Structures are given as C-alpha cells and as structure tokens.
Amino acid sequence: MRDKARIAVLVSGGGTNLQALIDAERTGIIENGKIVLVISNKAGVYALERAKNAGIPTATFEKKACGGQEGMEREIRRALDDARVDLIVLAGFLSILSPDFTRDYDHRIVNVHPSLIPSFCGEGFYGLRVHEAALARGVKVTGATVHFVNEIPDGGEIILQKPVKILKTDTPETLQKRVMRIAEWKILPAAVELVSKQIRFEER
C-alpha cells in the first residue's frame, strides 16, 4: 500500500481551485493524497505563484512552444512520469486533452465544472460562459460538478455535485464567485480525497 496518492494539478489561470486543494491538504481534508506537481499551459499565471508559495514544484508547457497539442501532451506525460503521479486534477485547465491522453489515464483524471452536469457543459462551456448561459436560460438552481475525465468534454462519470441557488440580483460574475465559494472549493477537495483514498489502497 502506498503512503499517499501523488497528485498533479493542471492549471491555466489564477488558481483559486488550486488554492482550495492546497488549503485542504494543509488542514487534513485531503489526507490520502499529496500535491507533488503543478503544471500550467500558460506562463506567468498566478496559479504558479500559489504553488511556489506552498513549496510545490511547477512546470509550464505552452502549446505553441511545444509545437502543438501533441508535443504539449508529450511533455506533460514526461513530467507526470518523472513525478510518479497517480492522480491528475484539472483545476481551470483550459486545454481539452486528447482521447489518447485521457484513455491512458482512465479514472486517473478529475475535473471540476461550474454547473450541474449535464446542464451547461461540453465544448465551449467554461468560465463565465457557463454562468451567462445559466442566467440566460432562467434556471433557479445551478452548482458545480466534479467528474472523471474521458474523451468527451465534461462527459465522464460524476463523482460529486453540489447545488447553488441563483438569486434574482445575480450577474455572471457574482454567480461565478458564489458557485466557487459554496460548491467548487468544497466538492473538489472532497472528491480528490475520495479518489486518492481509492488509489492509495489499489495495488500497482
């Protein structure tokens, strides 16, 4: 039995969900996993500073510098192998991974999405676009979902969901912040702990 599941977090921006994971590990919410690597597909993003402040190694692989998606994924794979990563967490990672990549890490990649899947999800639904669509549709409840990643964008098996009520005064920005605070920052660490615990007890 391994001591803890080794986790890599893939990011593209400010890293608020990464910070939620870092805090959850520090406070013991995540006790069966350890973040050993943070990978960004964009240089200079604040998520990398969050990782450095927490003493977590980082790497940056930009698609253009790597010669395209295939080259970027090849570099990511190499970094994951070098760090002996068991679990990959997509925390605001704005690059859709190829079917080959997701198949090779079957049930080893989790993603957080800011809606109750199957609503407002799939290709093109990310960031504020999700909340804009929810408000335009007039739904009364939204939320967040953590799911396994497969070859279909937002199509993998659901791990956890948490609902959030929509207020009449909501804008996409206020809704985004509340969904993060009430749902994403709660269920992402909880789901990572669930999967880490399962991985920890599996035989290699």
C-alpha atoms as a PDB file:
ATOM      1  CA  MET A   1       0.000   0.000   0.000  1.00  0.00           C
ATOM      2  CA  ARG A   2       1.431   3.382  -0.941  1.00  0.00           C
ATOM      3  CA  ASP A   3       1.616   6.117   1.688  1.00  0.00           C
ATOM      4  CA  LYS A   4      -0.337   8.758  -0.262  1.00  0.00           C
ATOM      5  CA  ALA A   5      -1.618   9.169  -3.804  1.00  0.00           C
ATOM      6  CA  ARG A   6       0.693  11.521  -5.694  1.00  0.00           C
ATOM      7  CA  ILE A   7      -1.303  14.356  -7.288  1.00  0.00           C
ATOM      8  CA  ALA A   8      -0.560  16.716 -10.165  1.00  0.00           C
ATOM      9  CA  VAL A   9      -2.778  19.759 -10.648  1.00  0.00           C
ATOM     10  CA  LEU A  10      -3.117  21.233 -14.154  1.00  0.00           C
ATOM     11  CA  VAL A  11      -3.932  24.958 -14.323  1.00  0.00           C
ATOM     12  CA  SER A  12      -4.276  27.832 -16.767  1.00  0.00           C
ATOM     13  CA  GLY A  13      -5.084  30.901 -14.674  1.00  0.00           C
ATOM     14  CA  GLY A  14      -5.340  32.372 -11.206  1.00  0.00           C
ATOM     15  CA  GLY A  15      -5.508  29.059  -9.384  1.00  0.00           C
ATOM     16  CA  THR A  16      -8.350  29.596  -6.906  1.00  0.00           C
ATOM     17  CA  ASN A  17      -9.291  25.914  -7.092  1.00  0.00           C
ATOM     18  CA  LEU A  18      -5.622  25.004  -6.714  1.00  0.00           C
ATOM     19  CA  GLN A  19      -5.543  27.116  -3.551  1.00  0.00           C
ATOM     20  CA  ALA A  20      -8.602  25.268  -2.249  1.00  0.00           C
ATOM     21  CA  LEU A  21      -6.718  21.996  -2.756  1.00  0.00           C
ATOM     22  CA  ILE A  22      -3.568  23.312  -1.107  1.00  0.00           C
ATOM     23  CA  ASP A  23      -5.596  24.511   1.879  1.00  0.00           C
ATOM     24  CA  ALA A  24      -7.493  21.208   2.064  1.00  0.00           C
ATOM     25  CA  GLU A  25      -4.257  19.248   2.170  1.00  0.00           C
ATOM     26  CA  ARG A  26      -2.867  21.516   4.867  1.00  0.00           C
ATOM     27  CA  THR A  27      -5.983  21.209   7.050  1.00  0.00           C
ATOM     28  CA  GLY A  28      -6.323  17.448   6.610  1.00  0.00           C
ATOM     29  CA  ILE A  29      -9.406  17.381   4.385  1.00  0.00           C
ATOM     30  CA  ILE A  30      -7.159  15.698   1.845  1.00  0.00           C
ATOM     31  CA  GLU A  31      -5.247  13.155   3.937  1.00  0.00           C
ATOM     32  CA  ASN A  32      -4.750  10.331   1.435  1.00  0.00           C
ATOM     33  CA  GLY A  33      -3.220  12.477  -1.297  1.00  0.00           C
ATOM     34  CA  LYS A  34      -0.273  14.834  -1.723  1.00  0.00           C
ATOM     35  CA  ILE A  35       0.140  17.515  -4.408  1.00  0.00           C
ATOM     36  CA  VAL A  36       3.593  16.884  -5.870  1.00  0.00           C
ATOM     37  CA  LEU A  37       3.419  18.932  -9.079  1.00  0.00           C
ATOM     38  CA  VAL A  38       1.557  21.856 -10.644  1.00  0.00           C
ATOM     39  CA  ILE A  39       1.591  22.117 -14.437  1.00  0.00           C
ATOM     40  CA  SER A  40       0.426  25.165 -16.405  1.00  0.00           C
ATOM     41  CA  ASN A  41      -0.134  25.566 -20.129  1.00  0.00           C
ATOM     42  CA  LYS A  42       0.378  29.333 -19.760  1.00  0.00           C
ATOM     43  CA  ALA A  43       3.460  31.097 -18.459  1.00  0.00           C
ATOM     44  CA  GLY A  44       3.244  33.701 -15.732  1.00  0.00           C
ATOM     45  CA  VAL A  45      -0.182  32.799 -14.335  1.00  0.00           C
ATOM     46  CA  TYR A  46      -0.795  33.367 -10.639  1.00  0.00           C
ATOM     47  CA  ALA A  47      -1.526  29.679 -10.026  1.00  0.00           C
ATOM     48  CA  LEU A  48       2.210  29.078 -10.421  1.00  0.00           C
ATOM     49  CA  GLU A  49       2.914  31.603  -7.663  1.00  0.00           C
ATOM     50  CA  ARG A  50       0.408  29.845  -5.401  1.00  0.00           C
ATOM     51  CA  ALA A  51       2.248  26.573  -5.977  1.00  0.00           C
ATOM     52  CA  LYS A  52       5.664  28.115  -5.334  1.00  0.00           C
ATOM     53  CA  ASN A  53       4.391  29.748  -2.142  1.00  0.00           C
ATOM     54  CA  ALA A  54       3.282  26.295  -0.984  1.00  0.00           C
ATOM     55  CA  GLY A  55       6.618  24.716  -1.896  1.00  0.00           C
ATOM     56  CA  ILE A  56       5.171  22.643  -4.749  1.00  0.00           C
ATOM     57  CA  PRO A  57       7.306  22.069  -7.886  1.00  0.00           C
ATOM     58  CA  THR A  58       5.930  23.602 -11.092  1.00  0.00           C
ATOM     59  CA  ALA A  59       6.307  23.181 -14.831  1.00  0.00           C
ATOM     60  CA  THR A  60       4.988  25.159 -17.800  1.00  0.00           C
ATOM     61  CA  PHE A  61       4.332  23.679 -21.228  1.00  0.00           C
ATOM     62  CA  GLU A  62       2.802  26.076 -23.747  1.00  0.00           C
ATOM     63  CA  LYS A  63       1.208  24.544 -26.816  1.00  0.00           C
ATOM     64  CA  LYS A  64       2.973  26.855 -29.257  1.00  0.00           C
ATOM     65  CA  ALA A  65       6.398  26.334 -27.705  1.00  0.00           C
ATOM     66  CA  CYS A  66       5.850  22.552 -27.744  1.00  0.00           C
ATOM     67  CA  GLY A  67       4.870  22.515 -31.424  1.00  0.00           C
ATOM     68  CA  GLY A  68       1.165  21.867 -30.833  1.00  0.00           C
ATOM     69  CA  GLN A  69      -1.160  19.767 -28.709  1.00  0.00           C
ATOM     70  CA  GLU A  70       0.691  16.503 -29.266  1.00  0.00           C
ATOM     71  CA  GLY A  71       4.007  17.999 -28.245  1.00  0.00           C
ATOM     72  CA  MET A  72       2.497  19.639 -25.177  1.00  0.00           C
ATOM     73  CA  GLU A  73       0.896  16.389 -24.054  1.00  0.00           C
ATOM     74  CA  ARG A  74       4.172  14.538 -24.602  1.00  0.00           C
ATOM     75  CA  GLU A  75       5.938  16.979 -22.254  1.00  0.00           C
ATOM     76  CA  ILE A  76       3.124  16.735 -19.695  1.00  0.00           C
ATOM     77  CA  ARG A  77       3.364  12.927 -19.765  1.00  0.00           C
ATOM     78  CA  ARG A  78       7.097  13.092 -19.188  1.00  0.00           C
ATOM     79  CA  ALA A  79       6.660  15.416 -16.210  1.00  0.00           C
ATOM     80  CA  LEU A  80       3.912  13.201 -14.761  1.00  0.00           C
ATOM     81  CA  ASP A  81       6.103  10.116 -15.113  1.00  0.00           C
ATOM     82  CA  ASP A  82       9.107  11.839 -13.550  1.00  0.00           C
ATOM     83  CA  ALA A  83       6.977  12.868 -10.551  1.00  0.00           C
ATOM     84  CA  ARG A  84       5.391   9.376 -10.322  1.00  0.00           C
ATOM     85  CA  VAL A  85       1.920  10.930 -10.406  1.00  0.00           C
ATOM     86  CA  ASP A  86      -1.105   8.769  -9.561  1.00  0.00           C
ATOM     87  CA  LEU A  87      -3.908  11.317  -9.985  1.00  0.00           C
ATOM     88  CA  ILE A  88      -4.325  14.341 -12.271  1.00  0.00           C
ATOM     89  CA  VAL A  89      -6.640  17.176 -11.220  1.00  0.00           C
ATOM     90  CA  LEU A  90      -7.795  19.710 -13.817  1.00  0.00           C
ATOM     91  CA  ALA A  91      -8.380  22.960 -11.924  1.00  0.00           C
ATOM     92  CA  GLY A  92      -9.275  25.565 -14.511  1.00  0.00           C
ATOM     93  CA  PHE A  93      -7.129  23.900 -17.176  1.00  0.00           C
ATOM     94  CA  LEU A  94      -8.343  25.430 -20.450  1.00  0.00           C
ATOM     95  CA  SER A  95      -6.967  22.912 -22.914  1.00  0.00           C
ATOM     96  CA  ILE A  96      -9.026  19.877 -23.894  1.00  0.00           C
ATOM     97  CA  LEU A  97      -6.874  16.763 -23.565  1.00  0.00           C
ATOM     98  CA  SER A  98      -6.783  14.303 -26.453  1.00  0.00           C
ATOM     99  CA  PRO A  99      -8.657  10.977 -26.373  1.00  0.00           C
ATOM    100  CA  ASP A 100      -5.305   9.150 -26.360  1.00  0.00           C
ATOM    101  CA  PHE A 101      -4.224  11.037 -23.256  1.00  0.00           C
ATOM    102  CA  THR A 102      -7.473  10.521 -21.356  1.00  0.00           C
ATOM    103  CA  ARG A 103      -7.575   6.804 -22.238  1.00  0.00           C
ATOM    104  CA  ASP A 104      -4.065   6.313 -20.894  1.00  0.00           C
ATOM    105  CA  TYR A 105      -5.114   7.864 -17.573  1.00  0.00           C
ATOM    106  CA  ASP A 106      -8.542   6.236 -17.312  1.00  0.00           C
ATOM    107  CA  HIS A 107     -10.167   7.107 -13.959  1.00  0.00           C
ATOM    108  CA  ARG A 108      -6.989   8.969 -13.042  1.00  0.00           C
ATOM    109  CA  ILE A 109      -8.072  12.468 -14.194  1.00  0.00           C
ATOM    110  CA  VAL A 110     -10.714  14.535 -12.406  1.00  0.00           C
ATOM    111  CA  ASN A 111     -12.152  17.901 -13.400  1.00  0.00           C
ATOM    112  CA  VAL A 112     -14.339  20.486 -11.691  1.00  0.00           C
ATOM    113  CA  HIS A 113     -17.025  22.129 -13.820  1.00  0.00           C
ATOM    114  CA  PRO A 114     -19.133  25.131 -12.678  1.00  0.00           C
ATOM    115  CA  SER A 115     -22.582  23.698 -13.390  1.00  0.00           C
ATOM    116  CA  LEU A 116     -24.702  20.695 -12.551  1.00  0.00           C
ATOM    117  CA  ILE A 117     -23.755  18.384 -15.412  1.00  0.00           C
ATOM    118  CA  PRO A 118     -25.439  17.596 -17.824  1.00  0.00           C
ATOM    119  CA  SER A 119     -26.587  21.246 -17.864  1.00  0.00           C
ATOM    120  CA  PHE A 120     -24.378  23.931 -19.449  1.00  0.00           C
ATOM    121  CA  CYS A 121     -21.407  21.705 -20.165  1.00  0.00           C
ATOM    122  CA  GLY A 122     -19.361  20.357 -23.043  1.00  0.00           C
ATOM    123  CA  GLU A 123     -17.083  22.048 -25.541  1.00  0.00           C
ATOM    124  CA  GLY A 124     -17.215  25.843 -25.337  1.00  0.00           C
ATOM    125  CA  PHE A 125     -18.725  25.949 -21.844  1.00  0.00           C
ATOM    126  CA  TYR A 126     -16.090  27.282 -19.461  1.00  0.00           C
ATOM    127  CA  GLY A 127     -15.575  30.205 -17.113  1.00  0.00           C
ATOM    128  CA  LEU A 128     -18.145  32.981 -17.234  1.00  0.00           C
ATOM    129  CA  ARG A 129     -19.790  31.439 -20.306  1.00  0.00           C
ATOM    130  CA  VAL A 130     -21.338  28.753 -18.102  1.00  0.00           C
ATOM    131  CA  HIS A 131     -22.902  31.272 -15.746  1.00  0.00           C
ATOM    132  CA  GLU A 132     -24.046  33.530 -18.581  1.00  0.00           C
ATOM    133  CA  ALA A 133     -25.851  30.552 -20.106  1.00  0.00           C
ATOM    134  CA  ALA A 134     -27.484  29.606 -16.799  1.00  0.00           C
ATOM    135  CA  LEU A 135     -28.792  33.134 -16.254  1.00  0.00           C
ATOM    136  CA  ALA A 136     -29.969  33.433 -19.855  1.00  0.00           C
ATOM    137  CA  ARG A 137     -31.924  30.203 -19.515  1.00  0.00           C
ATOM    138  CA  GLY A 138     -33.525  31.380 -16.286  1.00  0.00           C
ATOM    139  CA  VAL A 139     -32.748  28.307 -14.204  1.00  0.00           C
ATOM    140  CA  LYS A 140     -33.294  28.663 -10.458  1.00  0.00           C
ATOM    141  CA  VAL A 141     -30.513  26.337  -9.328  1.00  0.00           C
ATOM    142  CA  THR A 142     -27.002  25.811 -10.650  1.00  0.00           C
ATOM    143  CA  GLY A 143     -23.915  24.432  -8.915  1.00  0.00           C
ATOM    144  CA  ALA A 144     -20.720  22.533  -9.581  1.00  0.00           C
ATOM    145  CA  THR A 145     -19.705  19.022 -10.570  1.00  0.00           C
ATOM    146  CA  VAL A 146     -16.522  17.023 -10.112  1.00  0.00           C
ATOM    147  CA  HIS A 147     -16.218  14.201 -12.622  1.00  0.00           C
ATOM    148  CA  PHE A 148     -13.723  11.815 -14.146  1.00  0.00           C
ATOM    149  CA  VAL A 149     -12.360  12.962 -17.487  1.00  0.00           C
ATOM    150  CA  ASN A 150     -12.798  10.893 -20.645  1.00  0.00           C
ATOM    151  CA  GLU A 151     -12.664  11.622 -24.375  1.00  0.00           C
ATOM    152  CA  ILE A 152     -15.961  13.566 -24.253  1.00  0.00           C
ATOM    153  CA  PRO A 153     -15.664  17.092 -22.802  1.00  0.00           C
ATOM    154  CA  ASP A 154     -17.462  17.038 -19.419  1.00  0.00           C
ATOM    155  CA  GLY A 155     -18.714  13.558 -20.295  1.00  0.00           C
ATOM    156  CA  GLY A 156     -17.038  11.378 -17.693  1.00  0.00           C
ATOM    157  CA  GLU A 157     -18.536   9.670 -14.660  1.00  0.00           C
ATOM    158  CA  ILE A 158     -19.760  12.095 -11.995  1.00  0.00           C
ATOM    159  CA  ILE A 159     -18.056  11.890  -8.590  1.00  0.00           C
ATOM    160  CA  LEU A 160     -19.730  14.703  -6.618  1.00  0.00           C
ATOM    161  CA  GLN A 161     -22.180  17.547  -7.233  1.00  0.00           C
ATOM    162  CA  LYS A 162     -23.364  20.457  -5.099  1.00  0.00           C
ATOM    163  CA  PRO A 163     -26.287  22.797  -5.939  1.00  0.00           C
ATOM    164  CA  VAL A 164     -26.273  26.582  -5.567  1.00  0.00           C
ATOM    165  CA  LYS A 165     -29.405  28.745  -5.694  1.00  0.00           C
ATOM    166  CA  ILE A 166     -29.496  31.542  -8.243  1.00  0.00           C
ATOM    167  CA  LEU A 167     -30.532  34.962  -6.910  1.00  0.00           C
ATOM    168  CA  LYS A 168     -32.624  37.480  -8.842  1.00  0.00           C
ATOM    169  CA  THR A 169     -29.815  40.000  -8.459  1.00  0.00           C
ATOM    170  CA  ASP A 170     -27.120  37.695  -9.819  1.00  0.00           C
ATOM    171  CA  THR A 171     -24.758  38.679 -12.593  1.00  0.00           C
ATOM    172  CA  PRO A 172     -22.440  36.144 -14.235  1.00  0.00           C
ATOM    173  CA  GLU A 173     -19.624  37.496 -12.064  1.00  0.00           C
ATOM    174  CA  THR A 174     -21.465  37.275  -8.730  1.00  0.00           C
ATOM    175  CA  LEU A 175     -22.790  33.835  -9.605  1.00  0.00           C
ATOM    176  CA  GLN A 176     -19.322  32.616 -10.566  1.00  0.00           C
ATOM    177  CA  LYS A 177     -17.878  33.744  -7.234  1.00  0.00           C
ATOM    178  CA  ARG A 178     -20.685  32.147  -5.214  1.00  0.00           C
ATOM    179  CA  VAL A 179     -20.515  28.848  -7.080  1.00  0.00           C
ATOM    180  CA  MET A 180     -16.781  28.727  -6.429  1.00  0.00           C
ATOM    181  CA  ARG A 181     -17.150  29.552  -2.730  1.00  0.00           C
ATOM    182  CA  ILE A 182     -20.168  27.370  -1.950  1.00  0.00           C
ATOM    183  CA  ALA A 183     -19.619  24.465  -4.326  1.00  0.00           C
ATOM    184  CA  GLU A 184     -16.316  24.179  -6.205  1.00  0.00           C
ATOM    185  CA  TRP A 185     -13.998  24.827  -3.255  1.00  0.00           C
ATOM    186  CA  LYS A 186     -15.926  22.256  -1.184  1.00  0.00           C
ATOM    187  CA  ILE A 187     -16.518  19.348  -3.542  1.00  0.00           C
ATOM    188  CA  LEU A 188     -13.216  19.414  -5.424  1.00  0.00           C
ATOM    189  CA  PRO A 189     -11.109  18.655  -2.317  1.00  0.00           C
ATOM    190  CA  ALA A 190     -13.720  16.134  -1.126  1.00  0.00           C
ATOM    191  CA  ALA A 191     -13.666  14.328  -4.471  1.00  0.00           C
ATOM    192  CA  VAL A 192      -9.868  14.361  -4.621  1.00  0.00           C
ATOM    193  CA  GLU A 193      -9.782  12.767  -1.169  1.00  0.00           C
ATOM    194  CA  LEU A 194     -12.278  10.077  -2.248  1.00  0.00           C
ATOM    195  CA  VAL A 195     -10.275   9.164  -5.337  1.00  0.00           C
ATOM    196  CA  SER A 196      -6.920   9.423  -3.541  1.00  0.00           C
ATOM    197  CA  LYS A 197      -8.107   7.030  -0.869  1.00  0.00           C
ATOM    198  CA  GLN A 198      -9.201   4.542  -3.522  1.00  0.00           C
ATOM    199  CA  ILE A 199      -5.923   4.837  -5.400  1.00  0.00           C
ATOM    200  CA  ARG A 200      -3.902   4.509  -2.221  1.00  0.00           C
ATOM    201  CA  PHE A 201      -5.361   1.094  -1.472  1.00  0.00           C
ATOM    202  CA  GLU A 202      -5.043  -0.251  -5.001  1.00  0.00           C
ATOM    203  CA  GLU A 203      -2.114  -2.401  -5.956  1.00  0.00           C
ATOM    204  CA  ARG A 204       0.220  -1.095  -8.620  1.00  0.00           C
END
